[in-house]
Amino acid sequence: MTIKFDRNDKRLTVAVEGRLDTLTAPEFEEKLESALNSVEKLIFDFSELEYISSAGLRVLLAAVKETNAQGGEMTITNVCPEVMEVFEITGFADILTIL
């Protein structure tokens, strides 16, 4: 898994490539937590994300809660059909903003 952060003032774009699963979620969560301070607009670019497991979903849920607590908003973009299917089956498509 590769993670790229692009911060522009209070806007943070996080591009994730590969698999977000039980093995990679802890690293992703650690890096994300340290980057979320003072973020008002969090954007995940999942154009290169191939797979997400429940561990990855948990990290996204924590991120949306933290962003909302700071008065910001979180958006997920460029989701492939396989990942979108996971969002739909788990109900995350109803609680996350996916463009």
C-alpha atoms as a PDB file:
ATOM      1  CA  MET A   1       0.000   0.000   0.000  1.00  0.00           C
ATOM      2  CA  THR A   2       1.191   3.478  -0.878  1.00  0.00           C
ATOM      3  CA  ILE A   3      -0.203   6.619   0.758  1.00  0.00           C
ATOM      4  CA  LYS A   4       0.316  10.113  -0.618  1.00  0.00           C
ATOM      5  CA  PHE A   5      -0.671  13.209   1.337  1.00  0.00           C
ATOM      6  CA  ASP A   6      -1.248  16.566  -0.344  1.00  0.00           C
ATOM      7  CA  ARG A   7      -1.990  19.349   2.117  1.00  0.00           C
ATOM      8  CA  ASN A   8      -3.107  22.787   1.029  1.00  0.00           C
ATOM      9  CA  ASP A   9      -3.834  24.936   4.101  1.00  0.00           C
ATOM     10  CA  LYS A  10      -6.835  23.240   5.793  1.00  0.00           C
ATOM     11  CA  ARG A  11      -7.534  20.873   2.879  1.00  0.00           C
ATOM     12  CA  LEU A  12      -5.949  17.420   2.893  1.00  0.00           C
ATOM     13  CA  THR A  13      -6.084  14.994  -0.026  1.00  0.00           C
ATOM     14  CA  VAL A  14      -5.041  11.425   0.707  1.00  0.00           C
ATOM     15  CA  ALA A  15      -4.389   9.127  -2.260  1.00  0.00           C
ATOM     16  CA  VAL A  16      -4.271   5.436  -1.401  1.00  0.00           C
ATOM     17  CA  GLU A  17      -2.875   2.803  -3.740  1.00  0.00           C
ATOM     18  CA  GLY A  18      -3.106  -0.963  -3.279  1.00  0.00           C
ATOM     19  CA  ARG A  19      -4.998  -2.786  -0.542  1.00  0.00           C
ATOM     20  CA  LEU A  20      -6.396  -1.355   2.685  1.00  0.00           C
ATOM     21  CA  ASP A  21      -6.751  -4.436   4.842  1.00  0.00           C
ATOM     22  CA  THR A  22      -5.821  -5.926   8.211  1.00  0.00           C
ATOM     23  CA  LEU A  23      -2.121  -5.749   7.419  1.00  0.00           C
ATOM     24  CA  THR A  24      -2.026  -2.181   6.102  1.00  0.00           C
ATOM     25  CA  ALA A  25      -4.796  -0.457   8.107  1.00  0.00           C
ATOM     26  CA  PRO A  26      -2.689   0.149  11.262  1.00  0.00           C
ATOM     27  CA  GLU A  27      -0.012   2.010   9.282  1.00  0.00           C
ATOM     28  CA  PHE A  28      -2.669   3.952   7.391  1.00  0.00           C
ATOM     29  CA  GLU A  29      -4.445   4.906  10.612  1.00  0.00           C
ATOM     30  CA  GLU A  30      -1.222   6.045  12.281  1.00  0.00           C
ATOM     31  CA  LYS A  31      -0.186   8.256   9.363  1.00  0.00           C
ATOM     32  CA  LEU A  32      -3.696   9.639   8.939  1.00  0.00           C
ATOM     33  CA  GLU A  33      -4.141  10.521  12.615  1.00  0.00           C
ATOM     34  CA  SER A  34      -1.015  12.656  12.623  1.00  0.00           C
ATOM     35  CA  ALA A  35      -2.145  14.499   9.466  1.00  0.00           C
ATOM     36  CA  LEU A  36      -5.734  15.311  10.514  1.00  0.00           C
ATOM     37  CA  ASN A  37      -4.945  18.203  12.844  1.00  0.00           C
ATOM     38  CA  SER A  38      -6.804  21.365  11.758  1.00  0.00           C
ATOM     39  CA  VAL A  39      -8.211  19.769   8.592  1.00  0.00           C
ATOM     40  CA  GLU A  40     -11.511  21.249   7.416  1.00  0.00           C
ATOM     41  CA  LYS A  41     -11.758  19.352   4.132  1.00  0.00           C
ATOM     42  CA  LEU A  42     -10.524  15.747   3.944  1.00  0.00           C
ATOM     43  CA  ILE A  43     -10.588  14.090   0.537  1.00  0.00           C
ATOM     44  CA  PHE A  44      -9.694  10.472  -0.100  1.00  0.00           C
ATOM     45  CA  ASP A  45      -8.694   9.659  -3.662  1.00  0.00           C
ATOM     46  CA  PHE A  46      -9.309   5.936  -4.105  1.00  0.00           C
ATOM     47  CA  SER A  47      -8.578   5.779  -7.849  1.00  0.00           C
ATOM     48  CA  GLU A  48      -5.761   3.293  -7.151  1.00  0.00           C
ATOM     49  CA  LEU A  49      -7.362   1.463  -4.188  1.00  0.00           C
ATOM     50  CA  GLU A  50      -7.984  -2.148  -5.186  1.00  0.00           C
ATOM     51  CA  TYR A  51      -9.540  -3.567  -2.016  1.00  0.00           C
ATOM     52  CA  ILE A  52     -10.815  -2.483   1.393  1.00  0.00           C
ATOM     53  CA  SER A  53     -11.537  -4.764   4.354  1.00  0.00           C
ATOM     54  CA  SER A  54     -13.426  -4.157   7.585  1.00  0.00           C
ATOM     55  CA  ALA A  55     -10.177  -2.917   9.131  1.00  0.00           C
ATOM     56  CA  GLY A  56      -9.966  -0.242   6.441  1.00  0.00           C
ATOM     57  CA  LEU A  57     -13.615   0.666   6.928  1.00  0.00           C
ATOM     58  CA  ARG A  58     -12.956   1.160  10.638  1.00  0.00           C
ATOM     59  CA  VAL A  59     -10.181   3.652   9.828  1.00  0.00           C
ATOM     60  CA  LEU A  60     -12.503   5.568   7.491  1.00  0.00           C
ATOM     61  CA  LEU A  61     -15.202   5.674  10.161  1.00  0.00           C
ATOM     62  CA  ALA A  62     -12.724   7.073  12.698  1.00  0.00           C
ATOM     63  CA  ALA A  63     -11.545   9.647  10.135  1.00  0.00           C
ATOM     64  CA  VAL A  64     -15.057  10.890   9.371  1.00  0.00           C
ATOM     65  CA  LYS A  65     -15.822  11.167  13.096  1.00  0.00           C
ATOM     66  CA  GLU A  66     -12.621  13.126  13.760  1.00  0.00           C
ATOM     67  CA  THR A  67     -13.147  15.400  10.761  1.00  0.00           C
ATOM     68  CA  ASN A  68     -16.754  16.089  11.774  1.00  0.00           C
ATOM     69  CA  ALA A  69     -15.665  16.797  15.365  1.00  0.00           C
ATOM     70  CA  GLN A  70     -13.299  19.463  14.002  1.00  0.00           C
ATOM     71  CA  GLY A  71     -16.175  21.022  12.045  1.00  0.00           C
ATOM     72  CA  GLY A  72     -14.897  19.709   8.722  1.00  0.00           C
ATOM     73  CA  GLU A  73     -16.137  17.357   6.049  1.00  0.00           C
ATOM     74  CA  MET A  74     -14.811  14.202   4.444  1.00  0.00           C
ATOM     75  CA  THR A  75     -15.291  13.093   0.850  1.00  0.00           C
ATOM     76  CA  ILE A  76     -14.237   9.937  -0.983  1.00  0.00           C
ATOM     77  CA  THR A  77     -13.590  10.159  -4.728  1.00  0.00           C
ATOM     78  CA  ASN A  78     -12.711   7.866  -7.633  1.00  0.00           C
ATOM     79  CA  VAL A  79     -13.961   4.611  -6.100  1.00  0.00           C
ATOM     80  CA  CYS A  80     -13.615   1.478  -8.230  1.00  0.00           C
ATOM     81  CA  PRO A  81     -16.632  -0.859  -8.566  1.00  0.00           C
ATOM     82  CA  GLU A  82     -15.148  -3.508  -6.234  1.00  0.00           C
ATOM     83  CA  VAL A  83     -14.590  -1.044  -3.391  1.00  0.00           C
ATOM     84  CA  MET A  84     -17.969   0.605  -4.033  1.00  0.00           C
ATOM     85  CA  GLU A  85     -19.615  -2.793  -3.675  1.00  0.00           C
ATOM     86  CA  VAL A  86     -18.048  -3.152  -0.210  1.00  0.00           C
ATOM     87  CA  PHE A  87     -19.336   0.333   0.723  1.00  0.00           C
ATOM     88  CA  GLU A  88     -22.826  -0.584  -0.462  1.00  0.00           C
ATOM     89  CA  ILE A  89     -22.981  -4.009   1.206  1.00  0.00           C
ATOM     90  CA  THR A  90     -21.765  -2.641   4.542  1.00  0.00           C
ATOM     91  CA  GLY A  91     -24.001   0.440   4.467  1.00  0.00           C
ATOM     92  CA  PHE A  92     -21.025   2.799   4.365  1.00  0.00           C
ATOM     93  CA  ALA A  93     -22.341   4.220   1.087  1.00  0.00           C
ATOM     94  CA  ASP A  94     -25.181   5.712   3.140  1.00  0.00           C
ATOM     95  CA  ILE A  95     -22.997   7.347   5.797  1.00  0.00           C
ATOM     96  CA  LEU A  96     -20.018   8.523   3.723  1.00  0.00           C
ATOM     97  CA  THR A  97     -19.959  11.197   1.031  1.00  0.00           C
ATOM     98  CA  ILE A  98     -18.783   9.343  -2.076  1.00  0.00           C
ATOM     99  CA  LEU A  99     -18.402  11.228  -5.333  1.00  0.00           C
END
